[in-house]
Amino acid sequence: MAVDVERLKRDWSGFEFDRVEFPVTAEELAAYARAVGETAAVFTDAAHPELRAVPNFPTKYHGQRMWPADFPRLSKTSVGFDAGKRVEVHGEIHPGDVVTARSSIHDIYEKTGRSGSMVFIVHRMEFSNQRGEPVATVDWRFLQQPDPD
């Protein structure tokens, strides 16, 4: 199936399709930091007075929807796979914060590899705290290989 990537991008990029709130606890911050191998007490000790999230902490959160409603499937046989994440930190996340994540399709682009056409869909989650201050942006890249014509 030939995919019109520019049309997909035009039709599906840039609008919010999901919003979820996550209350943050000290125990959750410390447990996540330890699980990813962090050793500094400012990240791993739930009782530390300056406890804050490690930079990749927001990647643990997922919304209620992976894609906008009615987003087209590019393959009848493959669901695709995670092709990497990018985390941009804008501020700190602390215990007691309530983090709001807003999801949108940020970009859609195509590359050609040895196995043919590959379409990358960038699902962006923008995170802000209870004061509306941005704390992180996470871009998830998903690769889907369209069915051959």
N, C-alpha and C. Protein backbone atom coordinates (compact mmCIF):
# COMPACT_ATOMS: atom_id res chain seq x y z
N MET A 1 0.86 -1.17 0.00
CA MET A 1 0.00 0.00 0.00
C MET A 1 0.90 1.23 0.00
N ALA A 2 0.69 2.11 -0.96
CA ALA A 2 1.42 3.36 -1.02
C ALA A 2 0.84 4.30 0.04
N VAL A 3 1.72 4.93 0.81
CA VAL A 3 1.28 5.82 1.87
C VAL A 3 1.62 7.25 1.49
N ASP A 4 0.62 8.12 1.55
CA ASP A 4 0.83 9.54 1.30
C ASP A 4 1.21 10.18 2.64
N VAL A 5 2.52 10.20 2.90
CA VAL A 5 3.02 10.66 4.19
C VAL A 5 2.68 12.14 4.42
N GLU A 6 2.80 12.96 3.39
CA GLU A 6 2.49 14.39 3.55
C GLU A 6 1.02 14.60 3.91
N ARG A 7 0.15 13.81 3.34
CA ARG A 7 -1.28 13.92 3.68
C ARG A 7 -1.53 13.45 5.11
N LEU A 8 -0.92 12.34 5.49
CA LEU A 8 -1.05 11.86 6.87
C LEU A 8 -0.60 12.95 7.85
N LYS A 9 0.55 13.53 7.56
CA LYS A 9 1.09 14.58 8.43
C LYS A 9 0.12 15.77 8.51
N ARG A 10 -0.38 16.19 7.37
CA ARG A 10 -1.31 17.32 7.32
C ARG A 10 -2.60 17.01 8.08
N ASP A 11 -3.13 15.81 7.91
CA ASP A 11 -4.42 15.45 8.50
C ASP A 11 -4.36 15.11 9.99
N TRP A 12 -3.19 14.63 10.47
CA TRP A 12 -3.15 14.09 11.83
C TRP A 12 -2.20 14.78 12.79
N SER A 13 -1.33 15.64 12.32
CA SER A 13 -0.34 16.25 13.20
C SER A 13 -0.86 17.52 13.87
N GLY A 14 -0.38 17.71 15.10
CA GLY A 14 -0.54 19.01 15.74
C GLY A 14 -1.75 19.24 16.61
N PHE A 15 -2.64 18.27 16.77
CA PHE A 15 -3.78 18.51 17.66
C PHE A 15 -3.75 17.53 18.83
N GLU A 16 -4.19 17.99 19.97
CA GLU A 16 -4.22 17.16 21.17
C GLU A 16 -5.32 16.11 21.05
N PHE A 17 -4.95 14.85 21.30
CA PHE A 17 -5.96 13.79 21.24
C PHE A 17 -6.09 13.02 22.55
N ASP A 18 -5.27 13.35 23.53
CA ASP A 18 -5.37 12.67 24.82
C ASP A 18 -4.77 13.59 25.88
N ARG A 19 -5.35 13.51 27.09
CA ARG A 19 -4.85 14.27 28.23
C ARG A 19 -5.05 13.43 29.48
N VAL A 20 -3.98 13.26 30.24
CA VAL A 20 -4.03 12.43 31.44
C VAL A 20 -3.26 13.13 32.56
N GLU A 21 -3.75 13.00 33.80
CA GLU A 21 -3.05 13.55 34.96
C GLU A 21 -2.45 12.43 35.79
N PHE A 22 -1.25 12.70 36.33
CA PHE A 22 -0.55 11.72 37.16
C PHE A 22 -0.08 12.40 38.44
N PRO A 23 -0.62 12.00 39.61
CA PRO A 23 -0.06 12.50 40.86
C PRO A 23 1.29 11.81 41.13
N VAL A 24 2.26 12.56 41.59
CA VAL A 24 3.62 12.05 41.77
C VAL A 24 3.90 11.88 43.26
N THR A 25 4.40 10.69 43.63
CA THR A 25 4.75 10.44 45.03
C THR A 25 6.25 10.30 45.18
N ALA A 26 6.74 10.54 46.39
CA ALA A 26 8.17 10.39 46.68
C ALA A 26 8.60 8.95 46.46
N GLU A 27 7.78 8.01 46.88
CA GLU A 27 8.13 6.60 46.74
C GLU A 27 8.26 6.21 45.26
N GLU A 28 7.36 6.73 44.44
CA GLU A 28 7.38 6.44 43.00
C GLU A 28 8.66 7.00 42.37
N LEU A 29 9.02 8.23 42.71
CA LEU A 29 10.24 8.85 42.16
C LEU A 29 11.47 8.03 42.54
N ALA A 30 11.58 7.68 43.82
CA ALA A 30 12.75 6.94 44.31
C ALA A 30 12.82 5.54 43.70
N ALA A 31 11.69 4.85 43.63
CA ALA A 31 11.68 3.49 43.08
C ALA A 31 12.07 3.50 41.60
N TYR A 32 11.55 4.45 40.85
CA TYR A 32 11.90 4.53 39.43
C TYR A 32 13.40 4.80 39.27
N ALA A 33 13.93 5.74 40.04
CA ALA A 33 15.35 6.08 39.93
C ALA A 33 16.22 4.87 40.24
N ARG A 34 15.88 4.13 41.27
CA ARG A 34 16.65 2.93 41.60
C ARG A 34 16.54 1.89 40.48
N ALA A 35 15.35 1.75 39.90
CA ALA A 35 15.13 0.76 38.85
C ALA A 35 15.96 1.04 37.60
N VAL A 36 16.24 2.31 37.32
CA VAL A 36 17.04 2.64 36.13
C VAL A 36 18.53 2.78 36.45
N GLY A 37 18.90 2.44 37.69
CA GLY A 37 20.31 2.39 38.04
C GLY A 37 20.89 3.65 38.63
N GLU A 38 20.05 4.63 38.93
CA GLU A 38 20.55 5.87 39.56
C GLU A 38 20.98 5.54 40.99
N THR A 39 22.02 6.23 41.46
CA THR A 39 22.50 5.99 42.83
C THR A 39 22.51 7.25 43.70
N ALA A 40 22.38 8.43 43.11
CA ALA A 40 22.43 9.66 43.89
C ALA A 40 21.18 9.78 44.78
N ALA A 41 21.41 10.09 46.04
CA ALA A 41 20.32 10.16 47.02
C ALA A 41 19.24 11.18 46.64
N VAL A 42 19.60 12.24 45.95
CA VAL A 42 18.62 13.26 45.56
C VAL A 42 17.54 12.68 44.64
N PHE A 43 17.84 11.52 44.04
CA PHE A 43 16.87 10.82 43.18
C PHE A 43 16.32 9.55 43.81
N THR A 44 17.09 8.90 44.68
CA THR A 44 16.73 7.55 45.16
C THR A 44 16.21 7.48 46.59
N ASP A 45 16.38 8.53 47.37
CA ASP A 45 15.96 8.52 48.77
C ASP A 45 14.64 9.28 48.90
N ALA A 46 13.57 8.56 49.15
CA ALA A 46 12.24 9.18 49.23
C ALA A 46 12.15 10.23 50.33
N ALA A 47 13.05 10.18 51.30
CA ALA A 47 13.03 11.16 52.40
C ALA A 47 13.98 12.33 52.16
N HIS A 48 14.68 12.34 51.06
CA HIS A 48 15.65 13.42 50.77
C HIS A 48 14.89 14.74 50.62
N PRO A 49 15.35 15.82 51.27
CA PRO A 49 14.63 17.10 51.20
C PRO A 49 14.58 17.73 49.81
N GLU A 50 15.49 17.36 48.92
CA GLU A 50 15.50 17.91 47.57
C GLU A 50 15.16 16.85 46.51
N LEU A 51 14.42 15.82 46.91
CA LEU A 51 14.08 14.73 46.00
C LEU A 51 13.42 15.27 44.74
N ARG A 52 13.85 14.74 43.61
CA ARG A 52 13.27 15.11 42.32
C ARG A 52 13.41 13.93 41.36
N ALA A 53 12.72 14.01 40.25
CA ALA A 53 12.71 12.94 39.26
C ALA A 53 14.00 12.91 38.45
N VAL A 54 14.42 11.70 38.07
CA VAL A 54 15.51 11.56 37.11
C VAL A 54 14.99 12.06 35.76
N PRO A 55 15.86 12.48 34.86
CA PRO A 55 15.41 13.09 33.61
C PRO A 55 14.45 12.24 32.76
N ASN A 56 14.62 10.92 32.75
CA ASN A 56 13.76 10.09 31.90
C ASN A 56 12.48 9.62 32.60
N PHE A 57 12.21 10.11 33.79
CA PHE A 57 11.04 9.69 34.56
C PHE A 57 9.72 9.78 33.77
N PRO A 58 9.46 10.84 33.02
CA PRO A 58 8.17 10.91 32.32
C PRO A 58 7.92 9.79 31.31
N THR A 59 8.98 9.08 30.89
CA THR A 59 8.76 7.99 29.93
C THR A 59 7.98 6.83 30.54
N LYS A 60 7.82 6.82 31.85
CA LYS A 60 7.05 5.73 32.48
C LYS A 60 5.55 5.94 32.30
N TYR A 61 5.15 7.14 31.95
CA TYR A 61 3.73 7.45 31.83
C TYR A 61 3.23 7.22 30.40
N HIS A 62 2.03 6.71 30.34
CA HIS A 62 1.37 6.50 29.05
C HIS A 62 -0.05 7.02 29.16
N GLY A 63 -0.55 7.55 28.06
CA GLY A 63 -1.91 8.07 28.04
C GLY A 63 -2.95 6.96 27.89
N GLN A 64 -4.16 7.38 27.68
CA GLN A 64 -5.26 6.45 27.48
C GLN A 64 -5.32 5.99 26.02
N ARG A 65 -4.74 6.78 25.13
CA ARG A 65 -4.77 6.46 23.69
C ARG A 65 -3.35 6.52 23.14
N MET A 66 -3.04 5.57 22.30
CA MET A 66 -1.75 5.58 21.61
C MET A 66 -1.81 6.49 20.38
N TRP A 67 -2.97 6.48 19.70
CA TRP A 67 -3.18 7.23 18.49
C TRP A 67 -4.51 7.96 18.56
N PRO A 68 -4.70 8.98 17.74
CA PRO A 68 -6.02 9.62 17.68
C PRO A 68 -7.08 8.62 17.19
N ALA A 69 -8.31 8.86 17.57
CA ALA A 69 -9.40 8.01 17.09
C ALA A 69 -9.39 8.01 15.56
N ASP A 70 -9.60 6.86 14.98
CA ASP A 70 -9.66 6.67 13.52
C ASP A 70 -8.33 6.88 12.80
N PHE A 71 -7.22 6.92 13.54
CA PHE A 71 -5.92 7.03 12.88
C PHE A 71 -5.73 5.79 12.00
N PRO A 72 -5.34 5.97 10.73
CA PRO A 72 -5.28 4.82 9.82
C PRO A 72 -4.17 3.83 10.16
N ARG A 73 -4.47 2.56 10.00
CA ARG A 73 -3.45 1.51 10.12
C ARG A 73 -2.72 1.44 8.79
N LEU A 74 -1.42 1.36 8.85
CA LEU A 74 -0.62 1.34 7.64
C LEU A 74 -0.32 -0.08 7.18
N SER A 75 -0.63 -1.05 8.02
CA SER A 75 -0.35 -2.44 7.69
C SER A 75 -1.45 -3.33 8.25
N LYS A 76 -1.82 -4.33 7.49
CA LYS A 76 -2.80 -5.31 7.97
C LYS A 76 -2.12 -6.42 8.75
N THR A 77 -0.80 -6.55 8.60
CA THR A 77 -0.09 -7.67 9.21
C THR A 77 0.86 -7.28 10.33
N SER A 78 1.21 -6.01 10.45
CA SER A 78 2.20 -5.59 11.44
C SER A 78 1.67 -4.40 12.23
N VAL A 79 1.91 -4.41 13.52
CA VAL A 79 1.51 -3.27 14.35
C VAL A 79 2.63 -2.26 14.50
N GLY A 80 3.83 -2.63 14.07
CA GLY A 80 4.97 -1.74 14.19
C GLY A 80 5.71 -1.95 15.50
N PHE A 81 6.67 -1.07 15.76
CA PHE A 81 7.42 -1.19 17.01
C PHE A 81 8.01 0.15 17.43
N ASP A 82 8.42 0.20 18.69
CA ASP A 82 9.03 1.39 19.28
C ASP A 82 10.39 1.60 18.63
N ALA A 83 10.60 2.78 18.07
CA ALA A 83 11.86 3.07 17.38
C ALA A 83 12.69 4.11 18.13
N GLY A 84 12.41 4.30 19.41
CA GLY A 84 13.23 5.18 20.22
C GLY A 84 12.47 6.34 20.84
N LYS A 85 13.08 6.92 21.86
CA LYS A 85 12.48 8.04 22.58
C LYS A 85 13.47 9.17 22.68
N ARG A 86 12.93 10.36 22.79
CA ARG A 86 13.73 11.56 23.05
C ARG A 86 13.07 12.31 24.17
N VAL A 87 13.84 12.63 25.21
CA VAL A 87 13.31 13.35 26.37
C VAL A 87 13.98 14.71 26.44
N GLU A 88 13.17 15.74 26.52
CA GLU A 88 13.68 17.10 26.73
C GLU A 88 13.14 17.57 28.08
N VAL A 89 14.03 17.91 28.98
CA VAL A 89 13.65 18.34 30.32
C VAL A 89 13.52 19.86 30.33
N HIS A 90 12.38 20.35 30.84
CA HIS A 90 12.14 21.80 30.94
C HIS A 90 12.15 22.28 32.39
N GLY A 91 11.91 21.38 33.32
CA GLY A 91 11.85 21.73 34.73
C GLY A 91 11.86 20.48 35.58
N GLU A 92 11.89 20.66 36.88
CA GLU A 92 11.96 19.51 37.79
C GLU A 92 10.58 18.99 38.15
N ILE A 93 10.51 17.69 38.40
CA ILE A 93 9.30 17.05 38.91
C ILE A 93 9.60 16.63 40.35
N HIS A 94 8.70 17.03 41.26
CA HIS A 94 8.89 16.79 42.69
C HIS A 94 7.73 15.99 43.27
N PRO A 95 7.96 15.37 44.45
CA PRO A 95 6.85 14.70 45.12
C PRO A 95 5.72 15.70 45.38
N GLY A 96 4.49 15.25 45.21
CA GLY A 96 3.34 16.12 45.42
C GLY A 96 2.87 16.83 44.17
N ASP A 97 3.71 16.84 43.13
CA ASP A 97 3.28 17.44 41.87
C ASP A 97 2.17 16.60 41.25
N VAL A 98 1.33 17.25 40.49
CA VAL A 98 0.36 16.56 39.64
C VAL A 98 0.76 16.92 38.22
N VAL A 99 1.23 15.92 37.49
CA VAL A 99 1.75 16.13 36.14
C VAL A 99 0.64 15.83 35.13
N THR A 100 0.42 16.77 34.23
CA THR A 100 -0.55 16.58 33.16
C THR A 100 0.21 16.30 31.87
N ALA A 101 -0.18 15.23 31.19
CA ALA A 101 0.43 14.85 29.91
C ALA A 101 -0.58 15.07 28.80
N ARG A 102 -0.16 15.81 27.79
CA ARG A 102 -1.00 16.07 26.61
C ARG A 102 -0.34 15.41 25.41
N SER A 103 -1.11 14.58 24.68
CA SER A 103 -0.57 13.83 23.55
C SER A 103 -1.01 14.41 22.22
N SER A 104 -0.09 14.38 21.27
CA SER A 104 -0.38 14.77 19.89
C SER A 104 0.56 14.00 18.97
N ILE A 105 0.20 13.97 17.69
CA ILE A 105 1.13 13.46 16.69
C ILE A 105 1.99 14.65 16.29
N HIS A 106 3.28 14.55 16.53
CA HIS A 106 4.18 15.67 16.26
C HIS A 106 4.71 15.65 14.83
N ASP A 107 5.00 14.45 14.33
CA ASP A 107 5.59 14.37 12.99
C ASP A 107 5.32 12.98 12.42
N ILE A 108 5.32 12.91 11.11
CA ILE A 108 5.24 11.65 10.37
C ILE A 108 6.20 11.79 9.20
N TYR A 109 7.10 10.82 9.07
CA TYR A 109 8.06 10.88 7.96
C TYR A 109 8.38 9.47 7.48
N GLU A 110 8.92 9.41 6.29
CA GLU A 110 9.19 8.12 5.65
C GLU A 110 10.68 7.98 5.35
N LYS A 111 11.18 6.76 5.50
CA LYS A 111 12.54 6.41 5.09
C LYS A 111 12.45 5.10 4.33
N THR A 112 13.43 4.87 3.50
CA THR A 112 13.49 3.62 2.76
C THR A 112 14.70 2.84 3.22
N GLY A 113 14.47 1.59 3.59
CA GLY A 113 15.56 0.71 4.03
C GLY A 113 15.65 -0.50 3.14
N ARG A 114 16.47 -1.46 3.56
CA ARG A 114 16.65 -2.68 2.76
C ARG A 114 15.35 -3.43 2.58
N SER A 115 14.45 -3.32 3.57
CA SER A 115 13.18 -4.06 3.48
C SER A 115 12.06 -3.21 2.90
N GLY A 116 12.38 -2.03 2.40
CA GLY A 116 11.36 -1.19 1.76
C GLY A 116 11.02 0.05 2.57
N SER A 117 9.82 0.54 2.33
CA SER A 117 9.35 1.79 2.95
C SER A 117 9.09 1.60 4.44
N MET A 118 9.52 2.58 5.22
CA MET A 118 9.27 2.59 6.66
C MET A 118 8.68 3.96 7.01
N VAL A 119 7.56 3.96 7.72
CA VAL A 119 6.93 5.21 8.12
C VAL A 119 7.13 5.37 9.63
N PHE A 120 7.68 6.51 10.02
CA PHE A 120 7.90 6.82 11.42
C PHE A 120 6.83 7.81 11.87
N ILE A 121 6.19 7.50 12.98
CA ILE A 121 5.17 8.37 13.56
C ILE A 121 5.69 8.82 14.91
N VAL A 122 5.76 10.12 15.11
CA VAL A 122 6.28 10.67 16.36
C VAL A 122 5.10 11.10 17.23
N HIS A 123 4.89 10.32 18.29
CA HIS A 123 3.85 10.62 19.29
C HIS A 123 4.52 11.49 20.36
N ARG A 124 4.04 12.71 20.50
CA ARG A 124 4.63 13.64 21.48
C ARG A 124 3.72 13.76 22.69
N MET A 125 4.36 13.66 23.87
CA MET A 125 3.65 13.95 25.11
C MET A 125 4.34 15.15 25.76
N GLU A 126 3.56 16.19 26.01
CA GLU A 126 4.07 17.38 26.67
C GLU A 126 3.56 17.36 28.10
N PHE A 127 4.49 17.43 29.04
CA PHE A 127 4.18 17.33 30.46
C PHE A 127 4.30 18.69 31.13
N SER A 128 3.31 19.00 31.96
CA SER A 128 3.35 20.23 32.76
C SER A 128 2.93 19.88 34.18
N ASN A 129 3.34 20.75 35.12
CA ASN A 129 2.95 20.51 36.51
C ASN A 129 1.63 21.21 36.83
N GLN A 130 1.21 21.13 38.07
CA GLN A 130 -0.08 21.68 38.49
C GLN A 130 -0.15 23.21 38.37
N ARG A 131 0.98 23.87 38.20
CA ARG A 131 1.01 25.32 37.99
C ARG A 131 1.03 25.67 36.50
N GLY A 132 0.96 24.64 35.65
CA GLY A 132 0.98 24.87 34.21
C GLY A 132 2.38 25.07 33.65
N GLU A 133 3.40 24.85 34.47
CA GLU A 133 4.78 25.02 34.04
C GLU A 133 5.24 23.77 33.28
N PRO A 134 5.84 23.93 32.11
CA PRO A 134 6.34 22.76 31.38
C PRO A 134 7.46 22.08 32.16
N VAL A 135 7.42 20.75 32.24
CA VAL A 135 8.48 20.01 32.93
C VAL A 135 9.22 19.05 31.98
N ALA A 136 8.56 18.59 30.91
CA ALA A 136 9.25 17.69 29.98
C ALA A 136 8.45 17.53 28.69
N THR A 137 9.17 17.17 27.64
CA THR A 137 8.57 16.75 26.39
C THR A 137 9.19 15.41 26.04
N VAL A 138 8.34 14.44 25.74
CA VAL A 138 8.82 13.11 25.35
C VAL A 138 8.28 12.80 23.96
N ASP A 139 9.19 12.52 23.04
CA ASP A 139 8.82 12.09 21.69
C ASP A 139 9.08 10.59 21.59
N TRP A 140 8.01 9.84 21.31
CA TRP A 140 8.11 8.41 21.05
C TRP A 140 8.07 8.22 19.55
N ARG A 141 9.06 7.57 19.01
CA ARG A 141 9.06 7.26 17.58
C ARG A 141 8.60 5.82 17.40
N PHE A 142 7.61 5.65 16.55
CA PHE A 142 7.10 4.32 16.24
C PHE A 142 7.29 4.08 14.75
N LEU A 143 7.78 2.91 14.44
CA LEU A 143 8.01 2.55 13.05
C LEU A 143 6.89 1.61 12.61
N GLN A 144 6.30 1.92 11.48
CA GLN A 144 5.35 1.03 10.86
C GLN A 144 5.80 0.80 9.42
N GLN A 145 5.75 -0.45 9.02
CA GLN A 145 6.13 -0.78 7.65
C GLN A 145 4.84 -1.07 6.87
N PRO A 146 4.50 -0.18 5.94
CA PRO A 146 3.27 -0.39 5.18
C PRO A 146 3.31 -1.71 4.40
N ASP A 147 2.12 -2.28 4.20
CA ASP A 147 2.01 -3.47 3.37
C ASP A 147 2.51 -3.15 1.96
N PRO A 148 3.19 -4.09 1.30
CA PRO A 148 3.60 -3.83 -0.08
C PRO A 148 2.39 -3.71 -0.99
N ASP A 149 2.57 -2.97 -2.07
CA ASP A 149 1.47 -2.78 -3.03
C ASP A 149 1.03 -4.09 -3.65
